[in-house]
């Protein structure tokens, strides 16, 4: 608006200078008019830049807020899963110890057999991260944070998913056959299972070896889970720090 007001004034002055045959003053005012136009253009470009930056910051804020929700949801689920996995590991240790002793079967072992032989899986929330990757990660305007997000999903979460696949494969390739052939029943509601012949199971070296391998795989998975929980908490702190900067 200021530029539009000033230009007609300069034009009137320029015409008067030309009519009065004063070319030097006319040239000065012509240059002034050009400078005024350039300044107007620069101001318009700066305003466009500010608007674009504001839009980018708004997009980054929304993206990080949704990503934080995904990580927080996964973190709470991993915490619950870690406790359940610890219980399954402890049950497997109890069963393997009893199979090596001369103690008879008792009903309280059914919960440990059920826990020892099954697995728990988890699906991570990665929708927002996939959107970030699809945009070339340009929606995150912080190099360090962008690197940590990529590292978290490409390594920590990838390792967790690989661990879950290994446990699942071991279950279907080995433990499921034992569960079907050597046990009277399995109740998923409370994870209980009762062997058909406990004394015979004591002598089954293949079963004990398979359960021992299954136990080791889950111990490794629990270590990976604990590392991932730590990484999740650290990444949440970085995201919170970035969100505070964007809000200022």
C-alpha atoms as a PDB file:
ATOM      1  CA  UNK A   1       0.000   0.000   0.000  1.00  0.00           C
ATOM      2  CA  UNK A   2       2.798   2.455   0.850  1.00  0.00           C
ATOM      3  CA  UNK A   3       4.561   1.644  -2.386  1.00  0.00           C
ATOM      4  CA  UNK A   4       1.350   2.206  -4.392  1.00  0.00           C
ATOM      5  CA  UNK A   5       0.873   5.610  -2.696  1.00  0.00           C
ATOM      6  CA  UNK A   6       4.417   6.805  -3.255  1.00  0.00           C
ATOM      7  CA  UNK A   7       4.776   5.857  -6.929  1.00  0.00           C
ATOM      8  CA  UNK A   8       2.091   8.298  -8.267  1.00  0.00           C
ATOM      9  CA  UNK A   9       3.709  11.109  -6.266  1.00  0.00           C
ATOM     10  CA  UNK A  10       7.100  10.378  -7.805  1.00  0.00           C
ATOM     11  CA  UNK A  11       5.512  10.291 -11.247  1.00  0.00           C
ATOM     12  CA  UNK A  12       3.988  13.748 -10.769  1.00  0.00           C
ATOM     13  CA  UNK A  13       7.322  15.140  -9.621  1.00  0.00           C
ATOM     14  CA  UNK A  14       9.098  13.419 -12.495  1.00  0.00           C
ATOM     15  CA  UNK A  15       6.664  14.973 -15.034  1.00  0.00           C
ATOM     16  CA  UNK A  16       7.136  18.421 -13.530  1.00  0.00           C
ATOM     17  CA  UNK A  17      10.928  18.068 -13.727  1.00  0.00           C
ATOM     18  CA  UNK A  18      10.687  17.038 -17.358  1.00  0.00           C
ATOM     19  CA  UNK A  19       8.376  19.929 -18.174  1.00  0.00           C
ATOM     20  CA  UNK A  20      10.736  22.357 -16.459  1.00  0.00           C
ATOM     21  CA  UNK A  21      13.620  20.904 -18.480  1.00  0.00           C
ATOM     22  CA  UNK A  22      15.567  19.871 -15.425  1.00  0.00           C
ATOM     23  CA  UNK A  23      16.964  16.477 -16.521  1.00  0.00           C
ATOM     24  CA  UNK A  24      19.390  16.065 -13.581  1.00  0.00           C
ATOM     25  CA  UNK A  25      16.684  16.328 -10.963  1.00  0.00           C
ATOM     26  CA  UNK A  26      14.442  14.192 -13.143  1.00  0.00           C
ATOM     27  CA  UNK A  27      17.120  11.482 -13.236  1.00  0.00           C
ATOM     28  CA  UNK A  28      17.450  11.562  -9.458  1.00  0.00           C
ATOM     29  CA  UNK A  29      13.753  11.102  -8.950  1.00  0.00           C
ATOM     30  CA  UNK A  30      13.663   8.353 -11.615  1.00  0.00           C
ATOM     31  CA  UNK A  31      16.382   6.499  -9.720  1.00  0.00           C
ATOM     32  CA  UNK A  32      14.456   7.050  -6.496  1.00  0.00           C
ATOM     33  CA  UNK A  33      11.376   5.544  -8.086  1.00  0.00           C
ATOM     34  CA  UNK A  34      13.361   2.477  -9.165  1.00  0.00           C
ATOM     35  CA  UNK A  35      14.794   2.115  -5.653  1.00  0.00           C
ATOM     36  CA  UNK A  36      11.297   2.363  -4.208  1.00  0.00           C
ATOM     37  CA  UNK A  37      10.056  -0.424  -6.494  1.00  0.00           C
ATOM     38  CA  UNK A  38      13.042  -2.616  -5.585  1.00  0.00           C
ATOM     39  CA  UNK A  39      12.427  -2.049  -1.878  1.00  0.00           C
ATOM     40  CA  UNK A  40       8.776  -3.005  -2.340  1.00  0.00           C
ATOM     41  CA  UNK A  41       9.757  -6.204  -4.115  1.00  0.00           C
ATOM     42  CA  UNK A  42      12.264  -7.098  -1.395  1.00  0.00           C
ATOM     43  CA  UNK A  43       9.671  -6.504   1.309  1.00  0.00           C
ATOM     44  CA  UNK A  44       7.177  -8.697  -0.532  1.00  0.00           C
ATOM     45  CA  UNK A  45       9.786 -11.455  -0.900  1.00  0.00           C
ATOM     46  CA  UNK A  46      10.645 -11.219   2.804  1.00  0.00           C
ATOM     47  CA  UNK A  47       6.981 -11.466   3.750  1.00  0.00           C
ATOM     48  CA  UNK A  48       6.625 -14.543   1.527  1.00  0.00           C
ATOM     49  CA  UNK A  49       9.709 -16.043   3.184  1.00  0.00           C
ATOM     50  CA  UNK A  50       8.285 -15.421   6.658  1.00  0.00           C
ATOM     51  CA  UNK A  51       4.971 -16.972   5.663  1.00  0.00           C
ATOM     52  CA  UNK A  52       6.745 -20.014   4.207  1.00  0.00           C
ATOM     53  CA  UNK A  53       8.854 -20.443   7.344  1.00  0.00           C
ATOM     54  CA  UNK A  54       5.748 -20.163   9.495  1.00  0.00           C
ATOM     55  CA  UNK A  55       4.030 -22.888   7.449  1.00  0.00           C
ATOM     56  CA  UNK A  56       7.101 -25.136   7.671  1.00  0.00           C
ATOM     57  CA  UNK A  57       7.343 -24.681  11.435  1.00  0.00           C
ATOM     58  CA  UNK A  58       3.640 -25.422  11.780  1.00  0.00           C
ATOM     59  CA  UNK A  59       4.059 -28.611   9.718  1.00  0.00           C
ATOM     60  CA  UNK A  60       7.123 -29.639  11.731  1.00  0.00           C
ATOM     61  CA  UNK A  61       5.298 -29.036  15.005  1.00  0.00           C
ATOM     62  CA  UNK A  62       2.330 -31.145  13.900  1.00  0.00           C
ATOM     63  CA  UNK A  63       4.602 -33.919  12.583  1.00  0.00           C
ATOM     64  CA  UNK A  64       6.674 -34.105  15.764  1.00  0.00           C
ATOM     65  CA  UNK A  65       3.579 -33.999  17.966  1.00  0.00           C
ATOM     66  CA  UNK A  66       2.056 -36.969  16.145  1.00  0.00           C
ATOM     67  CA  UNK A  67       5.396 -38.808  16.105  1.00  0.00           C
ATOM     68  CA  UNK A  68       5.688 -38.314  19.854  1.00  0.00           C
ATOM     69  CA  UNK A  69       2.244 -39.867  20.307  1.00  0.00           C
ATOM     70  CA  UNK A  70       3.355 -42.910  18.281  1.00  0.00           C
ATOM     71  CA  UNK A  71       6.537 -43.346  20.310  1.00  0.00           C
ATOM     72  CA  UNK A  72       4.727 -42.826  23.608  1.00  0.00           C
ATOM     73  CA  UNK A  73       2.145 -45.469  22.684  1.00  0.00           C
ATOM     74  CA  UNK A  74       4.902 -47.918  21.712  1.00  0.00           C
ATOM     75  CA  UNK A  75       6.827 -47.107  24.885  1.00  0.00           C
ATOM     76  CA  UNK A  76       3.897 -47.959  27.130  1.00  0.00           C
ATOM     77  CA  UNK A  77       3.273 -51.182  25.218  1.00  0.00           C
ATOM     78  CA  UNK A  78       6.964 -52.137  25.400  1.00  0.00           C
ATOM     79  CA  UNK A  79       6.952 -51.551  29.141  1.00  0.00           C
ATOM     80  CA  UNK A  80       4.013 -53.966  29.559  1.00  0.00           C
ATOM     81  CA  UNK A  81       5.598 -56.420  27.141  1.00  0.00           C
ATOM     82  CA  UNK A  82       8.889 -56.338  29.046  1.00  0.00           C
ATOM     83  CA  UNK A  83       7.150 -57.392  32.260  1.00  0.00           C
ATOM     84  CA  UNK A  84       5.324 -60.198  30.464  1.00  0.00           C
ATOM     85  CA  UNK A  85       8.495 -61.350  28.739  1.00  0.00           C
ATOM     86  CA  UNK A  86      10.333 -61.435  32.079  1.00  0.00           C
ATOM     87  CA  UNK A  87       7.583 -63.662  33.464  1.00  0.00           C
ATOM     88  CA  UNK A  88       7.860 -66.040  30.509  1.00  0.00           C
ATOM     89  CA  UNK A  89      11.638 -66.214  30.904  1.00  0.00           C
ATOM     90  CA  UNK A  90      11.309 -66.993  34.608  1.00  0.00           C
ATOM     91  CA  UNK A  91       8.725 -69.715  33.888  1.00  0.00           C
ATOM     92  CA  UNK A  92      11.023 -71.348  31.319  1.00  0.00           C
ATOM     93  CA  UNK A  93      13.874 -71.337  33.823  1.00  0.00           C
ATOM     94  CA  UNK A  94      11.648 -72.995  36.439  1.00  0.00           C
ATOM     95  CA  UNK A  95      10.485 -75.689  33.996  1.00  0.00           C
ATOM     96  CA  UNK A  96      14.007 -76.494  32.812  1.00  0.00           C
ATOM     97  CA  UNK A  97      15.194 -76.741  36.391  1.00  0.00           C
ATOM     98  CA  UNK A  98      12.340 -79.098  37.378  1.00  0.00           C
ATOM     99  CA  UNK A  99      12.841 -81.292  34.318  1.00  0.00           C
ATOM    100  CA  UNK A 100      16.337 -81.975  35.580  1.00  0.00           C
ATOM    101  CA  UNK A 101      15.181 -82.848  39.123  1.00  0.00           C
ATOM    102  CA  UNK A 102      13.341 -85.833  40.552  1.00  0.00           C
ATOM    103  CA  UNK A 103      10.374 -83.777  41.754  1.00  0.00           C
ATOM    104  CA  UNK A 104       6.893 -84.952  40.694  1.00  0.00           C
ATOM    105  CA  UNK A 105       4.439 -82.865  38.707  1.00  0.00           C
ATOM    106  CA  UNK A 106       2.130 -80.512  40.605  1.00  0.00           C
ATOM    107  CA  UNK A 107      -0.736 -78.338  39.364  1.00  0.00           C
ATOM    108  CA  UNK A 108       1.077 -75.040  39.905  1.00  0.00           C
ATOM    109  CA  UNK A 109       3.437 -75.994  37.067  1.00  0.00           C
ATOM    110  CA  UNK A 110       0.681 -75.594  34.452  1.00  0.00           C
ATOM    111  CA  UNK A 111       1.030 -71.798  34.500  1.00  0.00           C
ATOM    112  CA  UNK A 112       4.799 -72.093  34.037  1.00  0.00           C
ATOM    113  CA  UNK A 113       4.461 -74.564  31.156  1.00  0.00           C
ATOM    114  CA  UNK A 114       1.970 -72.225  29.493  1.00  0.00           C
ATOM    115  CA  UNK A 115       4.203 -69.182  29.953  1.00  0.00           C
ATOM    116  CA  UNK A 116       7.366 -71.002  28.918  1.00  0.00           C
ATOM    117  CA  UNK A 117       6.125 -72.268  25.567  1.00  0.00           C
ATOM    118  CA  UNK A 118       4.235 -69.375  23.997  1.00  0.00           C
ATOM    119  CA  UNK A 119       5.330 -65.942  22.749  1.00  0.00           C
ATOM    120  CA  UNK A 120       4.126 -62.356  22.757  1.00  0.00           C
ATOM    121  CA  UNK A 121       4.351 -60.149  19.672  1.00  0.00           C
ATOM    122  CA  UNK A 122       4.016 -56.420  19.098  1.00  0.00           C
ATOM    123  CA  UNK A 123       3.249 -54.131  16.182  1.00  0.00           C
ATOM    124  CA  UNK A 124       4.952 -50.745  16.277  1.00  0.00           C
ATOM    125  CA  UNK A 125       3.239 -47.515  15.234  1.00  0.00           C
ATOM    126  CA  UNK A 126       5.305 -46.331  12.271  1.00  0.00           C
ATOM    127  CA  UNK A 127       2.774 -44.414  10.170  1.00  0.00           C
ATOM    128  CA  UNK A 128       4.160 -40.943  10.934  1.00  0.00           C
ATOM    129  CA  UNK A 129       7.739 -42.108  10.404  1.00  0.00           C
ATOM    130  CA  UNK A 130       6.802 -43.533   7.001  1.00  0.00           C
ATOM    131  CA  UNK A 131       5.299 -40.151   6.102  1.00  0.00           C
ATOM    132  CA  UNK A 132       8.510 -38.420   7.183  1.00  0.00           C
ATOM    133  CA  UNK A 133      10.565 -40.768   5.001  1.00  0.00           C
ATOM    134  CA  UNK A 134       8.231 -40.233   2.047  1.00  0.00           C
ATOM    135  CA  UNK A 135       8.797 -36.468   2.298  1.00  0.00           C
ATOM    136  CA  UNK A 136      12.573 -36.959   2.285  1.00  0.00           C
ATOM    137  CA  UNK A 137      12.701 -36.063   5.991  1.00  0.00           C
ATOM    138  CA  UNK A 138      12.364 -32.390   5.022  1.00  0.00           C
ATOM    139  CA  UNK A 139       9.476 -31.876   7.442  1.00  0.00           C
ATOM    140  CA  UNK A 140      11.994 -32.049  10.330  1.00  0.00           C
ATOM    141  CA  UNK A 141      14.169 -28.920  10.259  1.00  0.00           C
ATOM    142  CA  UNK A 142      16.773 -30.161  12.749  1.00  0.00           C
ATOM    143  CA  UNK A 143      19.663 -32.280  11.479  1.00  0.00           C
ATOM    144  CA  UNK A 144      20.472 -33.941  14.811  1.00  0.00           C
ATOM    145  CA  UNK A 145      16.854 -34.812  15.575  1.00  0.00           C
ATOM    146  CA  UNK A 146      16.262 -36.055  12.038  1.00  0.00           C
ATOM    147  CA  UNK A 147      19.288 -38.364  12.337  1.00  0.00           C
ATOM    148  CA  UNK A 148      18.128 -39.701  15.723  1.00  0.00           C
ATOM    149  CA  UNK A 149      14.611 -40.402  14.413  1.00  0.00           C
ATOM    150  CA  UNK A 150      15.958 -42.321  11.415  1.00  0.00           C
ATOM    151  CA  UNK A 151      18.437 -44.199  13.608  1.00  0.00           C
ATOM    152  CA  UNK A 152      15.707 -45.118  16.100  1.00  0.00           C
ATOM    153  CA  UNK A 153      13.375 -46.643  13.531  1.00  0.00           C
ATOM    154  CA  UNK A 154      15.957 -48.088  11.148  1.00  0.00           C
ATOM    155  CA  UNK A 155      18.017 -49.778  13.868  1.00  0.00           C
ATOM    156  CA  UNK A 156      16.362 -49.966  17.303  1.00  0.00           C
ATOM    157  CA  UNK A 157      12.837 -50.738  16.085  1.00  0.00           C
ATOM    158  CA  UNK A 158      14.174 -52.887  13.252  1.00  0.00           C
ATOM    159  CA  UNK A 159      16.160 -54.967  15.781  1.00  0.00           C
ATOM    160  CA  UNK A 160      13.050 -55.377  17.911  1.00  0.00           C
ATOM    161  CA  UNK A 161      10.989 -56.554  14.955  1.00  0.00           C
ATOM    162  CA  UNK A 162      13.707 -59.011  13.960  1.00  0.00           C
ATOM    163  CA  UNK A 163      13.761 -60.374  17.517  1.00  0.00           C
ATOM    164  CA  UNK A 164       9.999 -60.858  17.499  1.00  0.00           C
ATOM    165  CA  UNK A 165      10.217 -62.675  14.156  1.00  0.00           C
ATOM    166  CA  UNK A 166      12.878 -65.023  15.531  1.00  0.00           C
ATOM    167  CA  UNK A 167      10.752 -65.865  18.582  1.00  0.00           C
ATOM    168  CA  UNK A 168       7.689 -66.376  16.400  1.00  0.00           C
ATOM    169  CA  UNK A 169       9.622 -68.632  14.009  1.00  0.00           C
ATOM    170  CA  UNK A 170      11.006 -70.723  16.889  1.00  0.00           C
ATOM    171  CA  UNK A 171       7.526 -71.147  18.290  1.00  0.00           C
ATOM    172  CA  UNK A 172       5.967 -72.330  15.025  1.00  0.00           C
ATOM    173  CA  UNK A 173       8.960 -74.436  13.968  1.00  0.00           C
ATOM    174  CA  UNK A 174       9.571 -76.176  17.305  1.00  0.00           C
ATOM    175  CA  UNK A 175       7.457 -75.375  20.341  1.00  0.00           C
ATOM    176  CA  UNK A 176       4.035 -75.639  18.693  1.00  0.00           C
ATOM    177  CA  UNK A 177       4.633 -79.287  17.770  1.00  0.00           C
ATOM    178  CA  UNK A 178       5.502 -80.114  21.394  1.00  0.00           C
ATOM    179  CA  UNK A 179       2.463 -78.199  22.615  1.00  0.00           C
ATOM    180  CA  UNK A 180       0.189 -80.239  20.327  1.00  0.00           C
ATOM    181  CA  UNK A 181       1.752 -83.658  20.929  1.00  0.00           C
ATOM    182  CA  UNK A 182       2.968 -83.615  24.543  1.00  0.00           C
ATOM    183  CA  UNK A 183       0.281 -81.578  26.321  1.00  0.00           C
ATOM    184  CA  UNK A 184      -3.314 -82.317  27.258  1.00  0.00           C
ATOM    185  CA  UNK A 185      -4.474 -78.742  26.744  1.00  0.00           C
ATOM    186  CA  UNK A 186      -3.383 -75.146  26.445  1.00  0.00           C
ATOM    187  CA  UNK A 187      -5.559 -72.259  27.620  1.00  0.00           C
ATOM    188  CA  UNK A 188      -4.570 -68.927  26.111  1.00  0.00           C
ATOM    189  CA  UNK A 189      -6.820 -66.989  28.504  1.00  0.00           C
ATOM    190  CA  UNK A 190      -4.483 -67.675  31.413  1.00  0.00           C
ATOM    191  CA  UNK A 191      -1.517 -69.247  29.561  1.00  0.00           C
ATOM    192  CA  UNK A 192      -1.748 -72.645  31.245  1.00  0.00           C
ATOM    193  CA  UNK A 193      -0.712 -76.018  29.821  1.00  0.00           C
ATOM    194  CA  UNK A 194      -0.565 -79.521  31.363  1.00  0.00           C
ATOM    195  CA  UNK A 195       1.763 -82.229  29.990  1.00  0.00           C
ATOM    196  CA  UNK A 196       0.339 -85.648  29.074  1.00  0.00           C
ATOM    197  CA  UNK A 197       3.227 -87.456  30.731  1.00  0.00           C
ATOM    198  CA  UNK A 198       5.514 -85.348  32.911  1.00  0.00           C
ATOM    199  CA  UNK A 199       7.945 -88.198  33.562  1.00  0.00           C
ATOM    200  CA  UNK A 200       8.316 -88.897  29.851  1.00  0.00           C
ATOM    201  CA  UNK A 201       8.869 -85.199  29.188  1.00  0.00           C
ATOM    202  CA  UNK A 202      11.757 -85.288  31.650  1.00  0.00           C
ATOM    203  CA  UNK A 203      13.506 -87.779  29.425  1.00  0.00           C
ATOM    204  CA  UNK A 204      12.891 -85.861  26.189  1.00  0.00           C
ATOM    205  CA  UNK A 205      16.253 -84.238  25.501  1.00  0.00           C
ATOM    206  CA  UNK A 206      15.005 -82.635  22.267  1.00  0.00           C
ATOM    207  CA  UNK A 207      12.223 -80.896  24.166  1.00  0.00           C
ATOM    208  CA  UNK A 208      14.613 -79.617  26.842  1.00  0.00           C
ATOM    209  CA  UNK A 209      17.073 -78.414  24.186  1.00  0.00           C
ATOM    210  CA  UNK A 210      14.318 -76.673  22.217  1.00  0.00           C
ATOM    211  CA  UNK A 211      12.939 -74.988  25.325  1.00  0.00           C
ATOM    212  CA  UNK A 212      16.472 -73.908  26.294  1.00  0.00           C
ATOM    213  CA  UNK A 213      17.063 -72.316  22.887  1.00  0.00           C
ATOM    214  CA  UNK A 214      13.638 -70.667  23.048  1.00  0.00           C
ATOM    215  CA  UNK A 215      14.600 -69.277  26.466  1.00  0.00           C
ATOM    216  CA  UNK A 216      17.906 -67.844  25.184  1.00  0.00           C
ATOM    217  CA  UNK A 217      16.209 -66.170  22.235  1.00  0.00           C
ATOM    218  CA  UNK A 218      13.720 -64.483  24.568  1.00  0.00           C
ATOM    219  CA  UNK A 219      16.475 -63.351  26.922  1.00  0.00           C
ATOM    220  CA  UNK A 220      18.207 -61.697  23.981  1.00  0.00           C
ATOM    221  CA  UNK A 221      14.898 -60.156  22.934  1.00  0.00           C
ATOM    222  CA  UNK A 222      14.398 -58.735  26.431  1.00  0.00           C
ATOM    223  CA  UNK A 223      17.845 -57.104  26.335  1.00  0.00           C
ATOM    224  CA  UNK A 224      17.002 -55.555  22.975  1.00  0.00           C
ATOM    225  CA  UNK A 225      13.642 -54.432  24.351  1.00  0.00           C
ATOM    226  CA  UNK A 226      15.258 -52.691  27.328  1.00  0.00           C
ATOM    227  CA  UNK A 227      17.714 -50.890  25.025  1.00  0.00           C
ATOM    228  CA  UNK A 228      14.849 -49.781  22.811  1.00  0.00           C
ATOM    229  CA  UNK A 229      12.869 -48.505  25.792  1.00  0.00           C
ATOM    230  CA  UNK A 230      15.891 -46.401  26.766  1.00  0.00           C
ATOM    231  CA  UNK A 231      16.247 -45.097  23.197  1.00  0.00           C
ATOM    232  CA  UNK A 232      12.536 -44.256  23.110  1.00  0.00           C
ATOM    233  CA  UNK A 233      12.797 -42.157  26.262  1.00  0.00           C
ATOM    234  CA  UNK A 234      15.862 -40.330  24.944  1.00  0.00           C
ATOM    235  CA  UNK A 235      14.171 -39.588  21.626  1.00  0.00           C
ATOM    236  CA  UNK A 236      11.066 -38.286  23.397  1.00  0.00           C
ATOM    237  CA  UNK A 237      13.271 -35.805  25.290  1.00  0.00           C
ATOM    238  CA  UNK A 238      14.839 -34.580  22.033  1.00  0.00           C
ATOM    239  CA  UNK A 239      11.408 -34.141  20.470  1.00  0.00           C
ATOM    240  CA  UNK A 240      10.161 -32.194  23.508  1.00  0.00           C
ATOM    241  CA  UNK A 241      13.199 -29.916  23.297  1.00  0.00           C
ATOM    242  CA  UNK A 242      12.563 -29.246  19.599  1.00  0.00           C
ATOM    243  CA  UNK A 243       8.859 -28.574  20.184  1.00  0.00           C
ATOM    244  CA  UNK A 244       9.744 -25.962  22.809  1.00  0.00           C
ATOM    245  CA  UNK A 245      11.983 -24.152  20.298  1.00  0.00           C
ATOM    246  CA  UNK A 246       9.314 -24.194  17.614  1.00  0.00           C
ATOM    247  CA  UNK A 247       6.694 -22.769  20.002  1.00  0.00           C
ATOM    248  CA  UNK A 248       8.852 -19.713  20.829  1.00  0.00           C
END
